[in-house]
């Protein structure tokens, strides 16, 4: 391996470590919330915002984060946002008041919204399109897909000792990345005319619209949802009229990019929504402790790792659409296998097969969607493409959790509510499989936009 290749591989490891932290932080609070509430005497409304505050900020600022990475330098944005992420994590572990804790979670969500697209666009601009980029994106996808599951596992293990460790966990990893990254990350030239090309009106409209959309889904606040629709509509109008738009709508002329983002939204509705419900099911119906819940999920995480490592080879042989669709069908099968569990599901014969099958499908589908979402776009659009796909996943997570939490109330009993939720999550997987199979083809290059400032 040459020195250049060695630096690229080291950079990939560091970038994936940061994305792993971002994904993990989505789920770290899940198992720890009851312990935090008991220790600090916090009402349920405050506890909910320890989770949703992170998701709202993360989902709301992703598109803006991707464009900021393109305009002001991916390396610079990555390092600065990761430093903020580490500082907010440390502060959260030291605080003992409810709403200040929520503020640290919101700040971390904002930092993650800058870190994730900067990291992904650094990968796609470091590795040329083709097998090497596909392998790199497979590793990146593995880090993102396992991060959420690892957060559930770590939350269960650490909460048995102290919930504060859940806040402290990301700090040493983030500091290690910050210390090493300047040595291996490519500097890259700052795009010309970056500040002149910034679309402030579009940024305000899309960020406000997505923030309100995630808030409406989390709180079931329909007036906020209506306002979100109006703002997102205004965003489309603004982008059509701007000479240097935040999101050039021409990128959606690529059927592959559009289908990848729609399928990723359905993917997240299914898998993130299902994992949220499954954790509640294990603890509330089957009586698992936080530690038992975390350990019980380990096989699913291992299955994701194995499948994601195989995804690149399967994509080269069968193509993005087939692998993504097959993965989402397998993922859905794992979800539906939970219907066998009932009120006293045996772990080895019922739960374990469902978890492993879900993990295999999860590990196959997620890399395919990431590769499709950024393929064929020029380097100056990689931050934008990265922000789009990550935003699709986060918005999908919000929709999935809100939808499954709502349908859980429809059954005549607690167990019937869980069954309806599992069926709904399986339906999301099927929808995503259909979109992926029909819409994902070999990506075709999208020509760089010729208007003044469009390549800034």
Protein backbone atom coordinates (compact mmCIF):
# COMPACT_ATOMS: atom_id res chain seq x y z
CA UNK A 1 0.00 0.00 0.00
CA UNK A 2 1.40 3.41 -0.95
CA UNK A 3 1.72 6.27 1.51
CA UNK A 4 -1.15 8.09 -0.20
CA UNK A 5 -3.41 5.06 0.03
CA UNK A 6 -2.46 4.65 3.69
CA UNK A 7 -3.49 8.22 4.45
CA UNK A 8 -6.77 7.71 2.62
CA UNK A 9 -7.55 4.61 4.67
CA UNK A 10 -6.66 6.38 7.91
CA UNK A 11 -8.89 9.29 6.93
CA UNK A 12 -11.73 6.86 6.20
CA UNK A 13 -11.41 5.29 9.65
CA UNK A 14 -11.54 8.68 11.38
CA UNK A 15 -14.49 9.93 9.33
CA UNK A 16 -16.42 6.74 9.99
CA UNK A 17 -15.68 7.02 13.71
CA UNK A 18 -17.28 10.47 13.76
CA UNK A 19 -20.36 9.29 11.82
CA UNK A 20 -20.63 6.31 14.17
CA UNK A 21 -20.83 8.78 17.08
CA UNK A 22 -23.55 10.81 15.35
CA UNK A 23 -25.68 7.71 14.73
CA UNK A 24 -25.04 6.29 18.18
CA UNK A 25 -26.18 9.47 19.88
CA UNK A 26 -29.62 9.05 18.31
CA UNK A 27 -30.26 5.99 20.47
CA UNK A 28 -28.04 6.44 23.53
CA UNK A 29 -30.83 8.09 25.52
CA UNK A 30 -33.43 5.38 24.84
CA UNK A 31 -32.66 2.86 27.58
CA UNK A 32 -31.26 5.47 29.99
CA UNK A 33 -34.30 7.78 30.18
CA UNK A 34 -36.06 6.07 33.12
CA UNK A 35 -32.87 6.22 35.21
CA UNK A 36 -32.32 9.89 34.35
CA UNK A 37 -35.93 10.71 35.27
CA UNK A 38 -35.69 8.94 38.64
CA UNK A 39 -32.34 10.49 39.57
CA UNK A 40 -33.20 14.08 38.60
CA UNK A 41 -37.00 13.95 39.23
CA UNK A 42 -37.75 15.05 35.67
CA UNK A 43 -41.25 14.96 34.16
CA UNK A 44 -41.90 12.86 31.05
CA UNK A 45 -42.18 15.97 28.88
CA UNK A 46 -38.57 16.92 29.63
CA UNK A 47 -37.32 13.34 29.21
CA UNK A 48 -38.91 13.13 25.75
CA UNK A 49 -36.98 16.18 24.62
CA UNK A 50 -33.68 14.56 25.59
CA UNK A 51 -34.32 12.35 22.56
CA UNK A 52 -36.38 14.54 20.26
CA UNK A 53 -34.25 17.66 20.82
CA UNK A 54 -31.30 15.89 19.23
CA UNK A 55 -33.42 14.52 16.37
CA UNK A 56 -35.05 17.90 15.64
CA UNK A 57 -31.74 19.73 15.41
CA UNK A 58 -30.03 16.92 13.49
CA UNK A 59 -32.80 16.54 10.91
CA UNK A 60 -33.48 20.24 10.61
CA UNK A 61 -29.96 21.47 9.86
CA UNK A 62 -28.64 18.64 7.67
CA UNK A 63 -29.27 20.28 4.29
CA UNK A 64 -27.76 23.51 5.54
CA UNK A 65 -24.84 21.53 6.97
CA UNK A 66 -24.15 19.86 3.64
CA UNK A 67 -24.12 23.16 1.79
CA UNK A 68 -21.92 24.81 4.45
CA UNK A 69 -19.42 21.97 3.97
CA UNK A 70 -19.36 22.63 0.21
CA UNK A 71 -19.01 26.38 0.60
CA UNK A 72 -16.65 26.87 3.53
CA UNK A 73 -14.43 23.79 3.39
CA UNK A 74 -15.32 20.23 4.36
CA UNK A 75 -12.26 19.66 6.56
CA UNK A 76 -12.74 22.91 8.46
CA UNK A 77 -16.46 22.30 9.05
CA UNK A 78 -15.85 18.70 10.09
CA UNK A 79 -13.23 19.60 12.73
CA UNK A 80 -15.14 22.58 14.15
CA UNK A 81 -18.46 20.77 14.46
CA UNK A 82 -16.86 17.68 16.01
CA UNK A 83 -15.21 19.89 18.66
CA UNK A 84 -18.63 21.37 19.52
CA UNK A 85 -20.08 17.86 19.67
CA UNK A 86 -17.44 16.76 22.19
CA UNK A 87 -17.89 19.88 24.35
CA UNK A 88 -21.67 19.46 24.48
CA UNK A 89 -21.29 15.77 25.40
CA UNK A 90 -18.99 16.66 28.29
CA UNK A 91 -21.33 19.39 29.52
CA UNK A 92 -24.30 17.01 29.44
CA UNK A 93 -22.56 14.53 31.71
CA UNK A 94 -21.82 17.23 34.29
CA UNK A 95 -25.25 18.90 34.48
CA UNK A 96 -28.08 17.94 36.84
CA UNK A 97 -30.97 20.11 35.60
CA UNK A 98 -33.52 19.04 33.02
CA UNK A 99 -33.69 21.84 30.48
CA UNK A 100 -29.93 22.58 30.44
CA UNK A 101 -29.51 18.88 29.60
CA UNK A 102 -31.97 19.31 26.73
CA UNK A 103 -29.95 22.29 25.44
CA UNK A 104 -26.80 20.16 25.29
CA UNK A 105 -28.70 17.58 23.24
CA UNK A 106 -29.93 20.24 20.82
CA UNK A 107 -26.39 21.60 20.43
CA UNK A 108 -25.11 18.07 19.76
CA UNK A 109 -27.80 17.56 17.12
CA UNK A 110 -26.77 20.78 15.39
CA UNK A 111 -23.11 19.75 15.49
CA UNK A 112 -23.96 16.31 14.09
CA UNK A 113 -25.90 17.97 11.26
CA UNK A 114 -22.64 19.63 10.21
CA UNK A 115 -20.33 16.69 10.91
CA UNK A 116 -22.21 13.97 9.01
CA UNK A 117 -22.46 15.57 5.53
CA UNK A 118 -18.93 16.99 5.82
CA UNK A 119 -17.60 13.50 6.60
CA UNK A 120 -19.50 11.81 3.78
CA UNK A 121 -18.49 14.43 1.22
CA UNK A 122 -14.84 14.12 2.34
CA UNK A 123 -15.10 10.40 1.59
CA UNK A 124 -16.70 10.86 -1.82
CA UNK A 125 -14.17 13.50 -2.88
CA UNK A 126 -11.21 11.46 -1.57
CA UNK A 127 -12.10 8.21 -3.33
CA UNK A 128 -12.76 8.26 -7.09
CA UNK A 129 -16.11 6.95 -8.27
CA UNK A 130 -15.99 3.21 -8.83
CA UNK A 131 -15.03 0.16 -6.76
CA UNK A 132 -12.83 2.09 -4.30
CA UNK A 133 -15.52 4.65 -3.53
CA UNK A 134 -18.10 1.88 -3.24
CA UNK A 135 -15.93 0.06 -0.71
CA UNK A 136 -15.36 3.28 1.23
CA UNK A 137 -19.07 4.07 1.24
CA UNK A 138 -19.76 0.51 2.37
CA UNK A 139 -17.53 1.08 5.41
CA UNK A 140 -19.19 4.45 6.03
CA UNK A 141 -22.64 2.88 5.80
CA UNK A 142 -21.55 0.14 8.19
CA UNK A 143 -20.50 2.78 10.70
CA UNK A 144 -23.82 4.59 10.38
CA UNK A 145 -25.98 1.46 10.45
CA UNK A 146 -24.22 -0.05 13.46
CA UNK A 147 -24.01 3.25 15.34
CA UNK A 148 -27.71 3.31 16.19
CA UNK A 149 -27.70 -0.32 17.33
CA UNK A 150 -24.48 0.20 19.28
CA UNK A 151 -26.13 3.13 21.07
CA UNK A 152 -28.94 0.86 22.27
CA UNK A 153 -26.43 -1.72 23.48
CA UNK A 154 -24.13 0.80 25.16
CA UNK A 155 -27.05 2.59 26.78
CA UNK A 156 -28.18 -0.62 28.45
CA UNK A 157 -24.70 -1.52 29.66
CA UNK A 158 -23.71 1.93 30.94
CA UNK A 159 -27.01 2.75 32.60
CA UNK A 160 -26.43 -0.18 34.97
CA UNK A 161 -23.42 1.77 36.30
CA UNK A 162 -24.47 5.41 35.87
CA UNK A 163 -26.57 7.25 33.29
CA UNK A 164 -23.92 9.99 33.20
CA UNK A 165 -21.61 7.60 31.35
CA UNK A 166 -24.09 7.71 28.47
CA UNK A 167 -23.25 11.41 28.05
CA UNK A 168 -19.51 10.96 28.61
CA UNK A 169 -19.07 8.01 26.20
CA UNK A 170 -18.62 10.06 22.97
CA UNK A 171 -16.06 12.46 24.51
CA UNK A 172 -12.84 10.37 24.37
CA UNK A 173 -13.64 9.06 20.88
CA UNK A 174 -14.32 12.57 19.57
CA UNK A 175 -11.12 13.91 21.14
CA UNK A 176 -9.07 11.10 19.59
CA UNK A 177 -10.49 11.88 16.15
CA UNK A 178 -9.83 15.60 16.63
CA UNK A 179 -6.21 14.95 17.61
CA UNK A 180 -5.51 12.69 14.64
CA UNK A 181 -7.67 14.13 11.86
CA UNK A 182 -5.46 17.16 10.99
CA UNK A 183 -2.66 14.73 10.12
CA UNK A 184 -4.60 12.66 7.60
CA UNK A 185 -7.61 14.56 6.29
CA UNK A 186 -7.09 16.25 2.90
CA UNK A 187 -7.14 20.01 3.10
CA UNK A 188 -8.72 20.69 -0.26
CA UNK A 189 -9.04 24.10 -1.84
CA UNK A 190 -11.73 26.45 -0.56
CA UNK A 191 -14.33 26.78 -3.32
CA UNK A 192 -14.11 30.15 -5.10
CA UNK A 193 -16.86 32.61 -4.37
CA UNK A 194 -18.22 30.56 -1.47
CA UNK A 195 -19.58 33.39 0.59
CA UNK A 196 -21.04 35.19 -2.41
CA UNK A 197 -22.95 32.05 -3.39
CA UNK A 198 -24.67 31.47 -0.05
CA UNK A 199 -28.47 31.29 -0.31
CA UNK A 200 -29.65 32.75 3.00
CA UNK A 201 -33.37 32.83 2.13
CA UNK A 202 -33.35 29.21 0.99
CA UNK A 203 -31.40 28.18 4.09
CA UNK A 204 -33.93 29.82 6.43
CA UNK A 205 -36.92 28.31 4.57
CA UNK A 206 -35.67 24.71 4.35
CA UNK A 207 -34.16 24.63 7.84
CA UNK A 208 -37.28 26.10 9.40
CA UNK A 209 -39.51 23.79 7.36
CA UNK A 210 -37.65 20.62 8.30
CA UNK A 211 -37.35 21.67 11.95
CA UNK A 212 -41.11 22.23 12.13
CA UNK A 213 -41.79 18.98 10.27
CA UNK A 214 -39.72 16.90 12.70
CA UNK A 215 -41.23 18.81 15.63
CA UNK A 216 -44.76 18.20 14.32
CA UNK A 217 -44.10 14.49 13.93
CA UNK A 218 -42.52 14.20 17.36
CA UNK A 219 -45.18 16.22 19.21
CA UNK A 220 -48.11 15.42 16.84
CA UNK A 221 -48.59 19.16 16.43
CA UNK A 222 -50.55 19.55 13.19
CA UNK A 223 -50.45 23.40 13.01
CA UNK A 224 -46.67 23.10 13.08
CA UNK A 225 -46.94 20.51 10.31
CA UNK A 226 -48.99 22.89 8.17
CA UNK A 227 -46.46 25.66 8.71
CA UNK A 228 -43.70 23.21 7.74
CA UNK A 229 -45.46 22.44 4.44
CA UNK A 230 -45.81 26.15 3.69
CA UNK A 231 -42.14 26.83 4.42
CA UNK A 232 -40.98 23.89 2.30
CA UNK A 233 -43.21 25.10 -0.54
CA UNK A 234 -41.67 28.55 -0.21
CA UNK A 235 -38.24 26.91 -0.32
CA UNK A 236 -39.00 25.32 -3.71
CA UNK A 237 -40.15 28.69 -5.08
CA UNK A 238 -37.00 30.41 -3.77
CA UNK A 239 -34.70 27.77 -5.25
CA UNK A 240 -36.30 28.08 -8.69
CA UNK A 241 -35.59 31.80 -8.74
CA UNK A 242 -32.08 31.85 -7.27
CA UNK A 243 -29.00 31.98 -9.49
CA UNK A 244 -26.95 30.24 -6.75
CA UNK A 245 -29.48 28.09 -4.85
CA UNK A 246 -28.84 26.19 -1.64
CA UNK A 247 -30.24 23.02 -3.25
CA UNK A 248 -30.10 23.12 -7.07
CA UNK A 249 -33.31 21.33 -7.99
CA UNK A 250 -31.57 19.95 -11.07
CA UNK A 251 -30.01 17.21 -8.91
CA UNK A 252 -33.45 15.60 -8.69
CA UNK A 253 -33.48 15.12 -12.46
CA UNK A 254 -31.40 12.06 -11.66
CA UNK A 255 -33.97 9.32 -11.07
CA UNK A 256 -31.35 7.41 -9.09
CA UNK A 257 -30.74 10.26 -6.63
CA UNK A 258 -34.47 10.85 -6.15
CA UNK A 259 -35.24 7.14 -5.68
CA UNK A 260 -32.33 6.68 -3.27
CA UNK A 261 -33.60 9.46 -1.02
CA UNK A 262 -37.20 8.20 -1.07
CA UNK A 263 -36.07 4.64 -0.36
CA UNK A 264 -33.80 5.87 2.46
CA UNK A 265 -36.75 7.68 4.04
CA UNK A 266 -38.80 4.44 3.94
CA UNK A 267 -35.78 2.47 5.21
CA UNK A 268 -35.47 4.71 8.27
CA UNK A 269 -39.24 4.64 8.92
CA UNK A 270 -38.99 0.87 9.07
CA UNK A 271 -35.75 0.16 10.91
CA UNK A 272 -35.45 3.13 13.30
CA UNK A 273 -39.17 3.08 14.06
CA UNK A 274 -39.08 -0.68 14.64
CA UNK A 275 -36.02 -0.53 16.89
CA UNK A 276 -37.73 2.14 19.00
CA UNK A 277 -40.80 -0.09 19.42
CA UNK A 278 -38.75 -3.28 19.88
CA UNK A 279 -36.82 -1.80 22.82
CA UNK A 280 -40.10 -0.83 24.50
CA UNK A 281 -41.49 -4.30 23.79
CA UNK A 282 -38.50 -6.05 25.36
CA UNK A 283 -38.72 -3.96 28.54
CA UNK A 284 -42.46 -3.38 28.97
CA UNK A 285 -43.90 -6.68 27.71
CA UNK A 286 -41.13 -9.21 28.26
CA UNK A 287 -39.69 -7.52 31.37
CA UNK A 288 -36.09 -7.19 30.19
CA UNK A 289 -33.74 -5.04 32.25
CA UNK A 290 -31.65 -2.32 30.52
CA UNK A 291 -28.62 -4.63 30.65
CA UNK A 292 -30.54 -7.60 29.22
CA UNK A 293 -31.97 -5.36 26.48
CA UNK A 294 -28.52 -4.18 25.45
CA UNK A 295 -27.04 -7.67 25.42
CA UNK A 296 -30.05 -9.06 23.57
CA UNK A 297 -29.50 -6.67 20.66
CA UNK A 298 -25.81 -7.60 20.19
CA UNK A 299 -26.48 -10.37 17.60
CA UNK A 300 -28.35 -7.89 15.41
CA UNK A 301 -25.37 -5.57 15.46
CA UNK A 302 -23.04 -8.42 14.49
CA UNK A 303 -25.35 -9.40 11.62
CA UNK A 304 -25.28 -5.80 10.33
CA UNK A 305 -21.46 -5.83 10.37
CA UNK A 306 -21.23 -9.10 8.42
CA UNK A 307 -23.88 -8.11 5.85
CA UNK A 308 -22.45 -4.63 5.28
CA UNK A 309 -19.03 -6.17 4.59
CA UNK A 310 -20.61 -8.35 1.90
CA UNK A 311 -22.74 -5.59 0.38
CA UNK A 312 -20.01 -4.17 -1.86
CA UNK A 313 -19.40 -7.50 -3.59
CA UNK A 314 -23.10 -8.12 -4.07
CA UNK A 315 -23.62 -4.64 -5.51
CA UNK A 316 -20.83 -5.21 -8.04
CA UNK A 317 -22.48 -8.46 -9.10
CA UNK A 318 -26.22 -7.71 -8.93
CA UNK A 319 -26.47 -3.91 -8.98
CA UNK A 320 -27.69 -1.30 -6.51
CA UNK A 321 -31.41 -1.75 -7.10
CA UNK A 322 -31.51 -5.50 -6.56
CA UNK A 323 -29.30 -5.48 -3.47
CA UNK A 324 -31.15 -2.57 -1.87
CA UNK A 325 -34.55 -4.12 -2.60
CA UNK A 326 -33.51 -7.57 -1.39
CA UNK A 327 -32.01 -6.07 1.76
CA UNK A 328 -35.18 -4.19 2.60
CA UNK A 329 -37.31 -7.29 2.01
CA UNK A 330 -35.08 -9.31 4.34
CA UNK A 331 -35.13 -6.46 6.87
CA UNK A 332 -38.93 -6.45 6.72
CA UNK A 333 -39.02 -10.23 7.19
CA UNK A 334 -37.04 -9.83 10.41
CA UNK A 335 -39.52 -7.23 11.65
CA UNK A 336 -42.50 -9.45 10.86
CA UNK A 337 -40.87 -12.41 12.65
CA UNK A 338 -41.42 -10.45 15.87
CA UNK A 339 -45.13 -11.17 15.44
CA UNK A 340 -44.37 -14.70 16.68
CA UNK A 341 -43.14 -13.45 20.05
CA UNK A 342 -46.40 -12.82 21.89
CA UNK A 343 -46.37 -12.06 25.61
CA UNK A 344 -43.67 -14.59 26.54
CA UNK A 345 -41.45 -14.88 23.47
CA UNK A 346 -38.49 -17.23 23.87
CA UNK A 347 -35.23 -15.48 23.04
CA UNK A 348 -33.32 -18.31 21.34
CA UNK A 349 -36.14 -19.68 19.17
CA UNK A 350 -38.18 -16.52 18.47
CA UNK A 351 -36.38 -13.23 19.15
CA UNK A 352 -32.84 -14.17 18.10
CA UNK A 353 -33.78 -15.31 14.54
CA UNK A 354 -35.84 -12.14 14.06
CA UNK A 355 -32.98 -9.91 15.20
CA UNK A 356 -30.39 -11.65 13.01
CA UNK A 357 -32.62 -11.61 9.89
CA UNK A 358 -33.35 -7.91 10.41
CA UNK A 359 -29.66 -7.15 10.85
CA UNK A 360 -28.72 -8.94 7.60
CA UNK A 361 -31.28 -6.95 5.62
CA UNK A 362 -30.27 -3.73 7.31
CA UNK A 363 -26.59 -4.25 6.49
CA UNK A 364 -27.31 -4.98 2.81
CA UNK A 365 -29.71 -2.14 2.09
CA UNK A 366 -28.10 0.87 3.77
CA UNK A 367 -24.78 0.84 1.83
CA UNK A 368 -26.66 0.49 -1.46
CA UNK A 369 -28.78 3.56 -0.73
CA UNK A 370 -25.76 5.68 0.23
CA UNK A 371 -23.85 4.72 -2.92
CA UNK A 372 -26.83 5.49 -5.13
CA UNK A 373 -27.49 8.85 -3.46
CA UNK A 374 -24.04 10.33 -4.18
CA UNK A 375 -23.09 8.52 -7.40
CA UNK A 376 -22.80 10.47 -10.62
CA UNK A 377 -22.74 13.92 -8.97
CA UNK A 378 -19.75 16.27 -9.38
CA UNK A 379 -17.42 16.95 -6.44
CA UNK A 380 -18.89 20.39 -5.74
CA UNK A 381 -22.28 18.74 -5.11
CA UNK A 382 -21.07 15.94 -2.82
CA UNK A 383 -21.78 17.86 0.40
CA UNK A 384 -25.27 18.59 -0.88
CA UNK A 385 -25.87 14.95 -1.84
CA UNK A 386 -24.55 13.80 1.53
CA UNK A 387 -26.85 16.21 3.35
CA UNK A 388 -29.83 15.05 1.30
CA UNK A 389 -29.42 11.34 2.02
CA UNK A 390 -28.64 11.87 5.70
CA UNK A 391 -31.59 14.24 6.00
CA UNK A 392 -33.85 11.65 4.36
CA UNK A 393 -32.77 9.10 6.98
CA UNK A 394 -33.32 11.48 9.91
CA UNK A 395 -36.71 12.67 8.68
CA UNK A 396 -37.64 9.04 8.06
CA UNK A 397 -36.61 8.19 11.61
CA UNK A 398 -38.91 10.92 12.92
CA UNK A 399 -41.81 9.76 10.75
CA UNK A 400 -41.26 6.11 11.69
CA UNK A 401 -41.10 6.68 15.44
CA UNK A 402 -44.13 9.00 15.38
CA UNK A 403 -46.18 6.68 13.15
CA UNK A 404 -45.43 3.52 15.10
CA UNK A 405 -46.02 5.23 18.45
CA UNK A 406 -49.41 6.37 17.13
CA UNK A 407 -50.55 2.97 15.78
CA UNK A 408 -49.51 1.27 19.02
CA UNK A 409 -52.58 2.89 20.61
CA UNK A 410 -55.00 1.34 18.09
CA UNK A 411 -55.07 -2.22 19.40
CA UNK A 412 -57.52 -3.46 22.02
CA UNK A 413 -54.60 -4.47 24.24
CA UNK A 414 -50.95 -3.60 24.74
CA UNK A 415 -49.83 -6.69 22.85
CA UNK A 416 -52.21 -5.97 19.96
CA UNK A 417 -50.78 -2.45 19.71
CA UNK A 418 -47.27 -3.83 19.35
CA UNK A 419 -48.44 -6.23 16.65
CA UNK A 420 -49.95 -3.37 14.64
CA UNK A 421 -46.70 -1.42 15.02
CA UNK A 422 -44.62 -4.35 13.75
CA UNK A 423 -46.94 -4.78 10.75
CA UNK A 424 -46.68 -1.06 9.96
CA UNK A 425 -42.86 -1.17 10.11
CA UNK A 426 -42.90 -4.18 7.79
CA UNK A 427 -45.07 -2.20 5.38
CA UNK A 428 -42.49 0.63 5.34
CA UNK A 429 -39.80 -1.91 4.42
CA UNK A 430 -41.90 -3.28 1.57
CA UNK A 431 -42.52 0.24 0.24
CA UNK A 432 -38.79 0.99 0.34
CA UNK A 433 -38.01 -2.27 -1.49
CA UNK A 434 -40.42 -1.38 -4.30
CA UNK A 435 -38.93 2.13 -4.66
CA UNK A 436 -35.38 0.77 -4.68
CA UNK A 437 -36.06 -1.96 -7.23
CA UNK A 438 -37.91 0.37 -9.59
CA UNK A 439 -35.76 3.48 -9.24
CA UNK A 440 -32.14 2.51 -8.54
CA UNK A 441 -30.07 2.00 -11.63
CA UNK A 442 -26.41 2.60 -12.40
CA UNK A 443 -25.97 6.31 -11.60
CA UNK A 444 -25.55 8.65 -14.53
CA UNK A 445 -23.42 11.77 -14.18
CA UNK A 446 -25.35 14.96 -13.58
CA UNK A 447 -23.75 17.84 -15.52
CA UNK A 448 -22.36 20.71 -13.53
CA UNK A 449 -24.77 23.63 -13.64
CA UNK A 450 -23.45 26.36 -15.88
CA UNK A 451 -25.09 29.33 -14.26
CA UNK A 452 -22.95 31.96 -12.56
CA UNK A 453 -22.16 30.91 -9.01
CA UNK A 454 -23.66 27.44 -9.34
CA UNK A 455 -20.27 25.79 -8.83
CA UNK A 456 -19.34 27.97 -5.89
